[in-house]
Amino acid sequence: MVVLSASILAQNGTKPLVSRQFIEMPRLRVEGLLTAFPKLISSSKQQHTFVETDTVRYVYQPLENGIFLLLITTKSSNIVEDLGTLRLLAKVVPDVASGLSEASINEHAFELIFSFDEVITSGGYREDISLSDIRTNLQMESHEEKVHIMMESKKKEDARKAMEEKSAQIKKRQMEALKDNIMGNGSSSAMPTSGMVGFGGGGVTPGYEHNTSTSGYSGSRMGGSASASFGFEKPKAEPEDQGPRVVAKGMKLGGIGGANKKKNNLMAAMAMEDNFSLLGGQSKKAGAGLGLAATSAAPSAAPSTPLTLNLEEKYSVSMNREGGIESCDLKGSLTLIANTDVGSMASIAINKATIAAKCSSNWNFATHPKVDKGTYEKKGLIQLKGGKGLPLNRPVGVLRWSYSGEDAAPISINCWPEDEGTGSINVNVEFELTRSDMILTDVNILLPLGATDPPAIEEIDGQYKHDPSTGMMCWHHDVIDASNSTGSLEFSIAGSDVDAFFPVQVMFKSDSFLCPIDINGVTSITNGAAIPNSIQKSVSPDAYQVS
């Protein structure tokens, strides 16, 4: 067999996602072959999964969600071996990408290319390899790398010890010089009374400012405006100086990054005092400097039940500046984590009849390829084929659903900046809870200001934070529900660019699901006994913005 190319295509074969060539081919030829594929399968009347042209053979397998796995081979290639290679790659793709959606395939594109290289060598010939061997090879554990890391750590440790020895030598020389100076003066009355003035021009010995009680701490001398804008108490007044002191700055060994560390500690203290938090990986980027992501999440406790069920829904919403919903997509999933051997043999019963009755238009549901679809369709039971068990201590997505419709968006934002013509902009922001069945908690609306100056707040519902380093403002609400469904913010700020306030980003938490899914029971497929379990629900935005 000679495989020219292995590709993954979406949208029924019209959109290439990943393509790996095993012999040298021009890009134009590859694009031409992939472009011709959907036309060939649409015109073919045959009932098998290969199509031939004058020069090549297309061997393909449809997967889920309109995804196609495609091998392009020579016409002289062994079709039986090609089909075996195709079946192996069909197992590799969902295992490596953790699903069969465009997003998951794009996210794991390089891992998929590496896995293709494990199956097919350069030149287009198949390796004799299994799925478990591919997993082991992709982990890329290297003894040489571990040895190199150990050697680097040893070098750093030796450098640290050398630095400490050098510091001790410097200190010893300074003390000897001090002793010689005192002895040269002839009496103790010649010793200066305000630091070691005889060395370095006055104050304290260079490099040892931190040994004196009079050295200043810049973090405790913030300006009044900065302290007031964050709503924190002003630092206590320092004792009145008894006389002028001159501090001679010197080199501080190991002092690199000290200012940043003090700043980070101060921001963490601010966040803890105001009890602010922010969601997900987005918030770390968007809310940096606002004191919202300064505190790290506590480590999760060890699982106490044989099985953990995670129900999750994520929103992707795009709104216009007038608050209208331009697009709204919801994606949900049911993920199982078997913590023990008992939990791995679980069969999950869900309310499939209720879901089928309420979720008809614009809804899509899909089970994992390893789930017994016959049992799921007839009885609403989710379990693996052939009575197999779940892998231990690894999340496995067994059910996914999606919904597209403007009515799913839980909140709308209307941002209205107006240039007053006097060098300042007046901004009005409003929110409205569009779904009264949802309760949103820890809501953060992030607005770029286009300037580092603090905004002049004229009216606000809720709380706000301003970060001058990033020019961002966070409008925060603890809870938004049916009793607190609207709110407004008005402020003024210097500037003339009304487009600087976009995009506005929204983040929140909730446990109110749009999909009416319920877990009716969890039993063992071996003996039918009930299995103790814990259910975790999470609703959050994946991308929710006004642009």
Protein backbone atom coordinates (compact mmCIF):
# COMPACT_ATOMS: atom_id res chain seq x y z
CA MET A 1 0.00 0.00 0.00
CA VAL A 2 1.08 3.58 -0.68
CA VAL A 3 -0.88 6.33 1.06
CA LEU A 4 -0.37 9.73 -0.49
CA SER A 5 -2.36 11.76 2.06
CA ALA A 6 -4.53 11.34 5.18
CA SER A 7 -7.09 14.07 5.85
CA ILE A 8 -9.98 15.02 8.12
CA LEU A 9 -12.76 17.04 6.48
CA ALA A 10 -15.84 18.73 7.91
CA GLN A 11 -19.16 19.88 6.48
CA ASN A 12 -19.68 16.62 4.59
CA GLY A 13 -16.23 16.70 3.03
CA THR A 14 -16.18 20.30 1.80
CA LYS A 15 -13.99 21.84 4.52
CA PRO A 16 -10.49 20.41 5.15
CA LEU A 17 -9.43 20.58 8.81
CA VAL A 18 -6.24 18.49 8.95
CA SER A 19 -4.23 16.99 6.09
CA ARG A 20 -0.95 15.09 6.30
CA GLN A 21 1.04 14.21 3.14
CA PHE A 22 3.41 11.21 3.19
CA ILE A 23 5.08 11.82 -0.16
CA GLU A 24 6.23 15.13 -1.58
CA MET A 25 3.37 16.84 -3.43
CA PRO A 26 2.79 20.48 -4.42
CA ARG A 27 0.23 22.31 -2.36
CA LEU A 28 -1.91 23.05 -5.43
CA ARG A 29 -2.23 19.34 -6.17
CA VAL A 30 -3.25 18.55 -2.60
CA GLU A 31 -5.87 21.29 -2.65
CA GLY A 32 -7.14 20.07 -6.02
CA LEU A 33 -7.51 16.48 -4.79
CA LEU A 34 -9.36 17.56 -1.64
CA THR A 35 -11.63 19.92 -3.60
CA ALA A 36 -12.61 17.15 -6.01
CA PHE A 37 -13.55 14.69 -3.23
CA PRO A 38 -17.07 16.00 -2.31
CA LYS A 39 -17.99 16.19 -6.00
CA LEU A 40 -16.94 12.58 -6.55
CA ILE A 41 -18.89 11.12 -3.62
CA SER A 42 -22.01 13.13 -4.50
CA SER A 43 -22.02 11.83 -8.08
CA SER A 44 -21.07 8.25 -7.20
CA LYS A 45 -23.90 5.69 -7.25
CA GLN A 46 -21.85 2.97 -5.55
CA GLN A 47 -22.55 1.69 -2.05
CA HIS A 48 -18.95 1.31 -0.83
CA THR A 49 -16.55 3.82 0.70
CA PHE A 50 -14.00 4.35 -2.04
CA VAL A 51 -13.95 6.33 -5.27
CA GLU A 52 -11.37 6.07 -8.04
CA THR A 53 -10.18 8.59 -10.60
CA ASP A 54 -7.69 8.19 -13.43
CA THR A 55 -4.72 8.71 -11.12
CA VAL A 56 -5.70 8.15 -7.45
CA ARG A 57 -8.12 6.30 -5.20
CA TYR A 58 -10.16 7.97 -2.42
CA VAL A 59 -10.82 5.67 0.57
CA TYR A 60 -13.08 7.34 3.13
CA GLN A 61 -15.24 6.76 6.19
CA PRO A 62 -18.02 9.08 7.42
CA LEU A 63 -17.78 9.89 11.13
CA GLU A 64 -20.11 12.01 13.28
CA ASN A 65 -21.22 15.62 12.83
CA GLY A 66 -20.50 15.63 9.08
CA ILE A 67 -16.84 14.70 9.63
CA PHE A 68 -15.09 12.54 7.01
CA LEU A 69 -11.82 10.61 7.39
CA LEU A 70 -10.11 10.36 3.99
CA LEU A 71 -7.12 8.45 2.62
CA ILE A 72 -5.79 9.27 -0.85
CA THR A 73 -3.80 6.34 -2.25
CA THR A 74 -2.35 5.19 -5.53
CA LYS A 75 -4.57 3.00 -7.70
CA SER A 76 -2.16 0.11 -7.31
CA SER A 77 -2.38 0.21 -3.51
CA ASN A 78 -3.85 -2.82 -1.70
CA ILE A 79 -7.45 -1.83 -0.91
CA VAL A 80 -7.70 -4.36 1.95
CA GLU A 81 -4.68 -2.87 3.75
CA ASP A 82 -5.99 0.63 3.05
CA LEU A 83 -9.33 -0.22 4.71
CA GLY A 84 -7.47 -1.62 7.73
CA THR A 85 -5.46 1.59 8.01
CA LEU A 86 -8.67 3.61 7.70
CA ARG A 87 -10.33 1.67 10.54
CA LEU A 88 -7.32 2.21 12.82
CA LEU A 89 -7.27 5.95 12.10
CA ALA A 90 -11.02 6.10 12.77
CA LYS A 91 -10.25 4.86 16.31
CA VAL A 92 -7.25 7.16 16.72
CA VAL A 93 -9.03 10.43 15.78
CA PRO A 94 -11.72 10.51 18.55
CA ASP A 95 -9.22 9.13 21.07
CA VAL A 96 -6.64 11.87 20.41
CA ALA A 97 -9.08 14.74 19.78
CA SER A 98 -11.43 13.78 22.66
CA GLY A 99 -14.43 14.03 20.35
CA LEU A 100 -15.55 14.51 16.79
CA SER A 101 -16.32 18.21 16.47
CA GLU A 102 -14.58 20.90 14.44
CA ALA A 103 -13.46 22.69 17.60
CA SER A 104 -11.88 19.62 19.19
CA ILE A 105 -10.13 18.61 15.94
CA ASN A 106 -8.74 22.12 15.40
CA GLU A 107 -7.57 22.22 19.02
CA HIS A 108 -5.70 18.90 18.71
CA ALA A 109 -4.52 19.33 15.10
CA PHE A 110 -0.83 18.78 15.82
CA GLU A 111 -1.51 15.76 18.04
CA LEU A 112 -3.55 14.24 15.20
CA ILE A 113 -0.70 14.81 12.72
CA PHE A 114 1.73 13.13 15.13
CA SER A 115 -0.64 10.17 15.51
CA PHE A 116 -0.94 9.87 11.70
CA ASP A 117 2.86 9.71 11.52
CA GLU A 118 2.82 6.84 14.03
CA VAL A 119 0.48 4.83 11.79
CA ILE A 120 1.92 5.71 8.35
CA THR A 121 5.62 6.23 7.68
CA SER A 122 7.24 8.64 5.27
CA GLY A 123 6.67 7.17 1.84
CA GLY A 124 3.10 6.11 2.60
CA TYR A 125 3.61 2.66 4.15
CA ARG A 126 1.72 1.49 7.24
CA GLU A 127 3.46 0.65 10.51
CA ASP A 128 2.48 -2.46 12.48
CA ILE A 129 1.20 -0.58 15.55
CA SER A 130 -1.78 -0.67 17.90
CA LEU A 131 -3.83 2.07 19.53
CA SER A 132 -2.16 1.58 22.92
CA ASP A 133 1.28 1.87 21.30
CA ILE A 134 0.23 5.13 19.65
CA ARG A 135 -0.86 6.53 23.03
CA THR A 136 2.49 5.57 24.57
CA ASN A 137 4.47 7.13 21.73
CA LEU A 138 2.49 10.36 21.83
CA GLN A 139 3.38 10.85 25.49
CA MET A 140 6.97 11.31 24.27
CA GLU A 141 8.64 10.42 27.57
CA SER A 142 12.42 10.66 27.20
CA HIS A 143 15.07 9.45 29.62
CA GLU A 144 17.56 11.84 28.03
CA GLU A 145 15.21 14.75 28.67
CA LYS A 146 14.83 13.79 32.34
CA VAL A 147 18.62 13.59 32.71
CA HIS A 148 18.99 16.99 31.05
CA ILE A 149 16.42 18.53 33.41
CA MET A 150 18.23 17.06 36.41
CA MET A 151 21.54 18.48 35.18
CA GLU A 152 19.99 21.92 34.67
CA SER A 153 18.53 21.82 38.18
CA LYS A 154 21.95 20.89 39.56
CA LYS A 155 23.55 23.82 37.72
CA LYS A 156 20.95 26.21 39.15
CA GLU A 157 21.52 24.85 42.65
CA ASP A 158 25.29 25.25 42.29
CA ALA A 159 24.81 28.82 41.02
CA ARG A 160 22.61 29.62 44.02
CA LYS A 161 25.22 28.29 46.44
CA ALA A 162 27.96 30.27 44.68
CA MET A 163 25.79 33.40 44.96
CA GLU A 164 25.33 32.85 48.70
CA GLU A 165 29.08 32.32 49.19
CA LYS A 166 29.84 35.48 47.21
CA SER A 167 27.32 37.41 49.29
CA ALA A 168 28.96 36.18 52.48
CA GLN A 169 32.38 37.25 51.18
CA ILE A 170 31.10 40.74 50.31
CA LYS A 171 29.55 41.10 53.74
CA LYS A 172 32.79 39.94 55.40
CA ARG A 173 34.84 42.51 53.46
CA GLN A 174 32.42 45.28 54.38
CA MET A 175 32.60 44.38 58.06
CA GLU A 176 36.40 44.31 57.95
CA ALA A 177 36.44 47.71 56.25
CA LEU A 178 34.11 49.05 58.95
CA LYS A 179 36.40 47.69 61.65
CA ASP A 180 39.47 49.28 60.03
CA ASN A 181 37.64 52.61 59.78
CA ILE A 182 36.68 52.58 63.45
CA MET A 183 40.19 51.66 64.51
CA GLY A 184 41.65 54.39 62.30
CA ASN A 185 39.46 57.07 63.92
CA GLY A 186 41.01 56.26 67.32
CA SER A 187 37.85 56.42 69.41
CA SER A 188 34.26 55.31 69.32
CA SER A 189 33.09 58.94 69.31
CA ALA A 190 34.19 59.17 65.69
CA MET A 191 31.58 56.58 64.64
CA PRO A 192 28.73 58.22 62.74
CA THR A 193 25.37 58.22 64.51
CA SER A 194 23.13 57.91 61.45
CA GLY A 195 24.29 54.87 59.58
CA MET A 196 27.66 54.06 58.11
CA VAL A 197 28.45 57.45 56.58
CA GLY A 198 32.10 56.62 56.17
CA PHE A 199 31.23 54.03 53.41
CA GLY A 200 29.34 55.08 50.33
CA GLY A 201 28.30 58.63 51.16
CA GLY A 202 25.83 58.25 54.06
CA GLY A 203 22.71 56.43 55.31
CA VAL A 204 23.27 52.68 55.22
CA THR A 205 25.80 50.30 53.80
CA PRO A 206 25.21 49.75 50.05
CA GLY A 207 23.38 46.48 49.44
CA TYR A 208 22.02 46.19 53.02
CA GLU A 209 19.16 48.69 53.10
CA HIS A 210 16.76 45.98 54.25
CA ASN A 211 18.68 45.59 57.54
CA THR A 212 17.60 49.06 58.73
CA SER A 213 14.25 49.95 60.24
CA THR A 214 14.00 53.18 58.26
CA SER A 215 14.00 51.74 54.75
CA GLY A 216 10.78 52.62 52.87
CA TYR A 217 8.25 50.23 51.33
CA SER A 218 6.84 51.64 48.13
CA GLY A 219 3.74 49.47 48.30
CA SER A 220 2.56 51.25 51.50
CA ARG A 221 2.85 54.72 49.96
CA MET A 222 0.26 54.60 47.25
CA GLY A 223 -1.28 57.83 46.18
CA GLY A 224 -4.64 58.77 47.63
CA SER A 225 -6.41 58.54 44.27
CA ALA A 226 -5.36 54.95 43.62
CA SER A 227 -6.39 53.88 47.09
CA ALA A 228 -9.74 55.59 46.86
CA SER A 229 -10.55 54.14 43.43
CA PHE A 230 -10.31 50.61 44.77
CA GLY A 231 -12.16 51.43 47.98
CA PHE A 232 -9.44 50.41 50.39
CA GLU A 233 -8.31 52.02 53.59
CA LYS A 234 -5.46 54.46 53.40
CA PRO A 235 -2.16 53.22 54.85
CA LYS A 236 -1.42 54.23 58.42
CA ALA A 237 0.69 57.31 58.89
CA GLU A 238 4.37 56.57 59.43
CA PRO A 239 6.17 57.86 62.55
CA GLU A 240 7.59 61.33 62.12
CA ASP A 241 11.24 61.28 61.17
CA GLN A 242 13.63 62.50 63.85
CA GLY A 243 15.95 63.93 61.26
CA PRO A 244 16.90 63.76 57.59
CA ARG A 245 18.20 60.43 56.41
CA VAL A 246 20.02 59.81 53.16
CA VAL A 247 19.79 56.29 51.81
CA ALA A 248 22.55 55.10 49.50
CA LYS A 249 21.08 52.49 47.15
CA GLY A 250 23.25 49.51 46.31
CA MET A 251 23.01 46.23 44.48
CA LYS A 252 20.56 43.79 46.12
CA LEU A 253 21.50 40.19 45.41
CA GLY A 254 18.48 38.08 44.42
CA GLY A 255 16.32 41.20 44.28
CA ILE A 256 15.20 40.84 40.67
CA GLY A 257 11.44 40.99 40.31
CA GLY A 258 10.89 42.30 43.85
CA ALA A 259 8.72 45.16 42.68
CA ASN A 260 6.51 42.86 40.64
CA LYS A 261 6.14 40.52 43.62
CA LYS A 262 5.04 43.39 45.88
CA LYS A 263 2.55 44.52 43.22
CA ASN A 264 1.13 41.02 42.82
CA ASN A 265 0.77 40.59 46.58
CA LEU A 266 -1.01 43.93 46.82
CA MET A 267 -3.44 43.03 43.99
CA ALA A 268 -4.15 39.66 45.62
CA ALA A 269 -4.96 41.39 48.90
CA MET A 270 -7.32 43.77 47.05
CA ALA A 271 -9.15 40.90 45.38
CA MET A 272 -9.56 39.01 48.67
CA GLU A 273 -10.86 42.08 50.47
CA ASP A 274 -13.55 42.75 47.83
CA ASN A 275 -14.32 39.02 47.43
CA PHE A 276 -14.16 39.25 43.64
CA SER A 277 -13.62 36.32 41.32
CA LEU A 278 -13.62 35.71 37.57
CA LEU A 279 -14.39 32.66 35.40
CA GLY A 280 -12.39 30.32 33.26
CA GLY A 281 -9.35 30.86 31.08
CA GLN A 282 -10.92 33.93 29.44
CA SER A 283 -11.08 35.84 32.68
CA LYS A 284 -7.39 35.38 33.31
CA LYS A 285 -6.69 37.28 30.14
CA ALA A 286 -9.50 39.81 30.12
CA GLY A 287 -9.51 40.63 33.84
CA ALA A 288 -5.77 40.81 34.41
CA GLY A 289 -4.89 43.68 36.71
CA LEU A 290 -8.45 44.10 37.98
CA GLY A 291 -7.73 42.08 41.08
CA LEU A 292 -10.26 39.50 39.96
CA ALA A 293 -7.97 36.58 39.16
CA ALA A 294 -5.38 37.14 41.84
CA THR A 295 -6.48 34.32 44.11
CA SER A 296 -6.03 30.75 42.92
CA ALA A 297 -8.76 28.15 43.22
CA ALA A 298 -8.50 25.70 46.08
CA PRO A 299 -7.45 22.20 45.04
CA SER A 300 -10.38 19.90 44.40
CA ALA A 301 -11.11 17.25 47.00
CA ALA A 302 -10.58 13.59 46.23
CA PRO A 303 -13.70 11.91 44.80
CA SER A 304 -15.84 10.26 47.48
CA THR A 305 -18.11 8.22 45.18
CA PRO A 306 -17.40 5.49 42.62
CA LEU A 307 -18.70 7.65 39.76
CA THR A 308 -18.73 11.38 39.01
CA LEU A 309 -21.14 12.83 36.45
CA ASN A 310 -20.39 16.26 35.01
CA LEU A 311 -23.18 18.12 33.22
CA GLU A 312 -21.98 21.22 31.40
CA GLU A 313 -23.43 23.82 29.05
CA LYS A 314 -21.44 26.57 27.36
CA TYR A 315 -22.75 29.59 25.46
CA SER A 316 -21.22 31.28 22.45
CA VAL A 317 -23.11 34.54 21.89
CA SER A 318 -22.42 37.51 19.64
CA MET A 319 -24.45 40.70 20.11
CA ASN A 320 -24.56 44.01 18.29
CA ARG A 321 -24.09 47.33 20.05
CA GLU A 322 -27.84 47.88 20.42
CA GLY A 323 -28.25 44.68 22.43
CA GLY A 324 -29.62 42.54 19.60
CA ILE A 325 -28.57 38.89 19.45
CA GLU A 326 -26.75 38.18 16.19
CA SER A 327 -25.87 34.57 16.95
CA CYS A 328 -26.31 32.23 19.88
CA ASP A 329 -24.99 28.68 20.06
CA LEU A 330 -25.21 26.41 23.08
CA LYS A 331 -23.17 23.24 23.49
CA GLY A 332 -23.71 20.78 26.31
CA SER A 333 -22.13 17.52 27.38
CA LEU A 334 -22.44 14.70 29.87
CA THR A 335 -19.03 13.47 31.03
CA LEU A 336 -18.39 10.46 33.24
CA ILE A 337 -15.37 9.88 35.48
CA ALA A 338 -15.06 6.39 36.94
CA ASN A 339 -13.23 6.64 40.26
CA THR A 340 -13.39 2.93 41.10
CA ASP A 341 -13.91 -0.40 39.31
CA VAL A 342 -17.54 -0.36 40.48
CA GLY A 343 -18.09 3.05 38.91
CA SER A 344 -16.54 1.93 35.61
CA MET A 345 -19.38 -0.56 35.07
CA ALA A 346 -22.12 2.07 35.33
CA SER A 347 -25.26 2.36 33.25
CA ILE A 348 -26.84 5.84 33.37
CA ALA A 349 -30.57 6.28 32.90
CA ILE A 350 -31.71 9.67 31.59
CA ASN A 351 -35.15 11.13 30.83
CA LYS A 352 -34.87 10.56 27.08
CA ALA A 353 -38.63 10.71 26.50
CA THR A 354 -38.86 14.17 28.08
CA ILE A 355 -35.84 15.37 26.11
CA ALA A 356 -37.30 14.07 22.83
CA ALA A 357 -40.63 15.79 23.54
CA LYS A 358 -39.18 19.20 24.50
CA CYS A 359 -36.07 19.35 22.34
CA SER A 360 -37.18 18.96 18.74
CA SER A 361 -36.45 22.04 16.62
CA ASN A 362 -32.85 23.35 16.37
CA TRP A 363 -31.56 20.68 18.78
CA ASN A 364 -28.90 18.08 17.98
CA PHE A 365 -27.89 15.13 20.17
CA ALA A 366 -25.00 12.70 19.67
CA THR A 367 -23.58 9.85 21.73
CA HIS A 368 -19.99 8.66 21.87
CA PRO A 369 -19.17 6.03 19.21
CA LYS A 370 -18.47 3.48 21.95
CA VAL A 371 -21.91 3.95 23.55
CA ASP A 372 -24.52 1.28 22.83
CA LYS A 373 -26.89 3.34 20.68
CA GLY A 374 -29.57 0.65 20.53
CA THR A 375 -29.94 0.57 24.32
CA TYR A 376 -29.87 4.36 24.43
CA GLU A 377 -32.59 4.82 21.79
CA LYS A 378 -34.92 2.15 23.23
CA LYS A 379 -34.45 2.50 26.98
CA GLY A 380 -32.64 5.82 27.50
CA LEU A 381 -29.65 4.02 29.06
CA ILE A 382 -26.09 5.18 28.45
CA GLN A 383 -23.57 2.34 28.66
CA LEU A 384 -20.65 1.10 26.60
CA LYS A 385 -20.98 -1.53 23.92
CA GLY A 386 -20.36 -5.17 24.76
CA GLY A 387 -20.59 -4.64 28.51
CA LYS A 388 -17.21 -2.95 28.63
CA GLY A 389 -16.26 -0.63 31.47
CA LEU A 390 -15.16 2.99 31.52
CA PRO A 391 -11.45 3.83 31.88
CA LEU A 392 -10.53 4.72 35.44
CA ASN A 393 -9.83 8.29 36.54
CA ARG A 394 -10.29 9.73 33.07
CA PRO A 395 -13.18 11.90 31.87
CA VAL A 396 -15.18 10.34 29.07
CA GLY A 397 -17.79 12.37 27.19
CA VAL A 398 -20.72 10.05 26.48
CA LEU A 399 -23.43 12.48 25.35
CA ARG A 400 -23.34 15.86 23.64
CA TRP A 401 -26.03 18.25 22.55
CA SER A 402 -26.22 21.61 20.83
CA TYR A 403 -28.83 24.26 20.22
CA SER A 404 -28.87 27.30 17.94
CA GLY A 405 -31.41 30.03 18.57
CA GLU A 406 -31.52 33.62 19.75
CA ASP A 407 -33.96 32.71 22.53
CA ALA A 408 -31.24 30.75 24.37
CA ALA A 409 -29.13 33.82 25.25
CA PRO A 410 -29.63 34.53 28.98
CA ILE A 411 -28.57 38.20 29.06
CA SER A 412 -28.35 41.11 26.63
CA ILE A 413 -26.04 44.12 26.86
CA ASN A 414 -26.64 47.56 25.37
CA CYS A 415 -23.53 49.76 25.28
CA TRP A 416 -24.07 53.33 24.06
CA PRO A 417 -21.02 55.66 24.02
CA GLU A 418 -21.56 59.28 22.91
CA ASP A 419 -18.89 61.84 22.08
CA GLU A 420 -19.83 65.04 23.89
CA GLY A 421 -17.52 67.13 21.69
CA THR A 422 -15.62 68.52 24.68
CA GLY A 423 -12.87 65.94 24.80
CA SER A 424 -14.89 63.48 26.87
CA ILE A 425 -17.24 60.57 26.14
CA ASN A 426 -20.43 59.74 28.02
CA VAL A 427 -21.11 55.99 28.15
CA ASN A 428 -24.39 54.29 29.09
CA VAL A 429 -24.45 50.53 29.56
CA GLU A 430 -27.54 48.48 30.32
CA PHE A 431 -28.15 44.78 30.84
CA GLU A 432 -31.38 42.79 30.77
CA LEU A 433 -31.98 39.21 31.81
CA THR A 434 -33.76 37.75 28.79
CA ARG A 435 -34.47 34.36 30.34
CA SER A 436 -36.37 34.59 33.61
CA ASP A 437 -35.78 30.88 34.33
CA MET A 438 -32.04 31.44 34.80
CA ILE A 439 -30.13 32.68 37.83
CA LEU A 440 -26.72 34.13 36.98
CA THR A 441 -24.10 34.50 39.69
CA ASP A 442 -20.71 36.20 39.80
CA VAL A 443 -21.50 38.27 36.70
CA ASN A 444 -18.61 40.34 35.32
CA ILE A 445 -19.05 42.71 32.39
CA LEU A 446 -15.64 43.84 31.08
CA LEU A 447 -15.44 47.13 29.19
CA PRO A 448 -12.28 48.45 27.50
CA LEU A 449 -11.94 52.19 28.11
CA GLY A 450 -9.27 53.10 25.58
CA ALA A 451 -7.50 55.16 28.25
CA THR A 452 -5.70 54.65 31.54
CA ASP A 453 -7.58 57.45 33.33
CA PRO A 454 -10.24 56.32 35.82
CA PRO A 455 -13.87 56.81 34.71
CA ALA A 456 -16.11 59.34 36.44
CA ILE A 457 -19.06 57.24 37.62
CA GLU A 458 -22.37 59.10 37.46
CA GLU A 459 -24.77 56.22 38.12
CA ILE A 460 -24.25 52.52 38.77
CA ASP A 461 -26.12 49.42 39.85
CA GLY A 462 -23.70 46.96 41.41
CA GLN A 463 -19.94 47.40 41.83
CA TYR A 464 -17.01 48.23 39.58
CA LYS A 465 -13.25 47.91 39.40
CA HIS A 466 -10.80 49.89 37.26
CA ASP A 467 -7.34 48.74 36.19
CA PRO A 468 -5.26 51.66 34.85
CA SER A 469 -2.47 49.39 33.58
CA THR A 470 -4.75 47.67 31.03
CA GLY A 471 -7.38 50.39 30.60
CA MET A 472 -10.19 47.98 31.57
CA MET A 473 -13.22 48.36 33.82
CA CYS A 474 -15.17 45.48 35.35
CA TRP A 475 -18.85 45.94 36.19
CA HIS A 476 -19.72 43.28 38.76
CA HIS A 477 -22.99 41.81 40.06
CA ASP A 478 -23.20 39.02 42.59
CA VAL A 479 -26.60 37.77 41.37
CA ILE A 480 -28.85 38.55 38.40
CA ASP A 481 -32.25 36.87 38.48
CA ALA A 482 -35.94 37.59 37.87
CA SER A 483 -36.06 39.97 40.85
CA ASN A 484 -32.93 41.81 39.66
CA SER A 485 -33.32 41.49 35.90
CA THR A 486 -32.06 44.91 34.75
CA GLY A 487 -29.29 47.31 35.63
CA SER A 488 -27.52 50.35 34.25
CA LEU A 489 -24.15 52.06 34.39
CA GLU A 490 -23.31 55.59 33.32
CA PHE A 491 -19.88 57.16 33.36
CA SER A 492 -17.75 59.76 31.60
CA ILE A 493 -14.13 59.49 30.54
CA ALA A 494 -11.68 61.58 28.54
CA GLY A 495 -11.41 60.62 24.87
CA SER A 496 -13.05 60.90 21.46
CA ASP A 497 -13.04 57.33 20.03
CA VAL A 498 -16.42 55.71 20.65
CA ASP A 499 -15.20 52.42 19.12
CA ALA A 500 -12.65 52.00 21.92
CA PHE A 501 -15.33 50.59 24.24
CA PHE A 502 -15.78 47.41 22.19
CA PRO A 503 -15.80 44.49 22.36
CA VAL A 504 -17.63 44.19 25.68
CA GLN A 505 -17.20 40.76 27.26
CA VAL A 506 -19.60 39.02 29.65
CA MET A 507 -18.79 36.24 32.11
CA PHE A 508 -21.03 34.48 34.62
CA LYS A 509 -21.80 31.24 36.44
CA SER A 510 -25.08 29.36 36.63
CA ASP A 511 -26.59 25.92 37.21
CA SER A 512 -29.79 26.56 35.20
CA PHE A 513 -29.75 24.30 32.13
CA LEU A 514 -31.56 24.94 28.87
CA CYS A 515 -31.63 21.23 28.05
CA PRO A 516 -34.17 19.48 30.35
CA ILE A 517 -31.82 16.56 31.02
CA ASP A 518 -32.10 14.66 34.31
CA ILE A 519 -30.26 11.65 35.68
CA ASN A 520 -32.92 9.13 36.68
CA GLY A 521 -30.55 6.55 38.06
CA VAL A 522 -27.12 4.95 37.96
CA THR A 523 -26.91 1.17 38.16
CA SER A 524 -24.35 -1.53 37.54
CA ILE A 525 -24.50 -3.37 34.22
CA THR A 526 -23.22 -6.52 35.94
CA ASN A 527 -25.77 -6.97 38.75
CA GLY A 528 -28.21 -4.05 38.44
CA ALA A 529 -27.33 -2.62 41.86
CA ALA A 530 -27.44 1.13 42.40
CA ILE A 531 -24.05 2.87 42.23
CA PRO A 532 -23.39 5.86 44.50
CA ASN A 533 -22.51 8.91 42.45
CA SER A 534 -22.03 12.65 42.54
CA ILE A 535 -23.42 15.07 39.94
CA GLN A 536 -21.75 18.38 39.11
CA LYS A 537 -23.51 21.00 37.01
CA SER A 538 -21.91 23.97 35.32
CA VAL A 539 -23.20 26.67 32.96
CA SER A 540 -20.79 29.33 31.70
CA PRO A 541 -20.00 31.35 28.57
CA ASP A 542 -17.38 30.15 26.13
CA ALA A 543 -17.47 33.46 24.23
CA TYR A 544 -20.06 36.10 25.10
CA GLN A 545 -19.38 39.56 23.72
CA VAL A 546 -20.79 42.72 22.22
CA SER A 547 -18.97 43.93 19.14
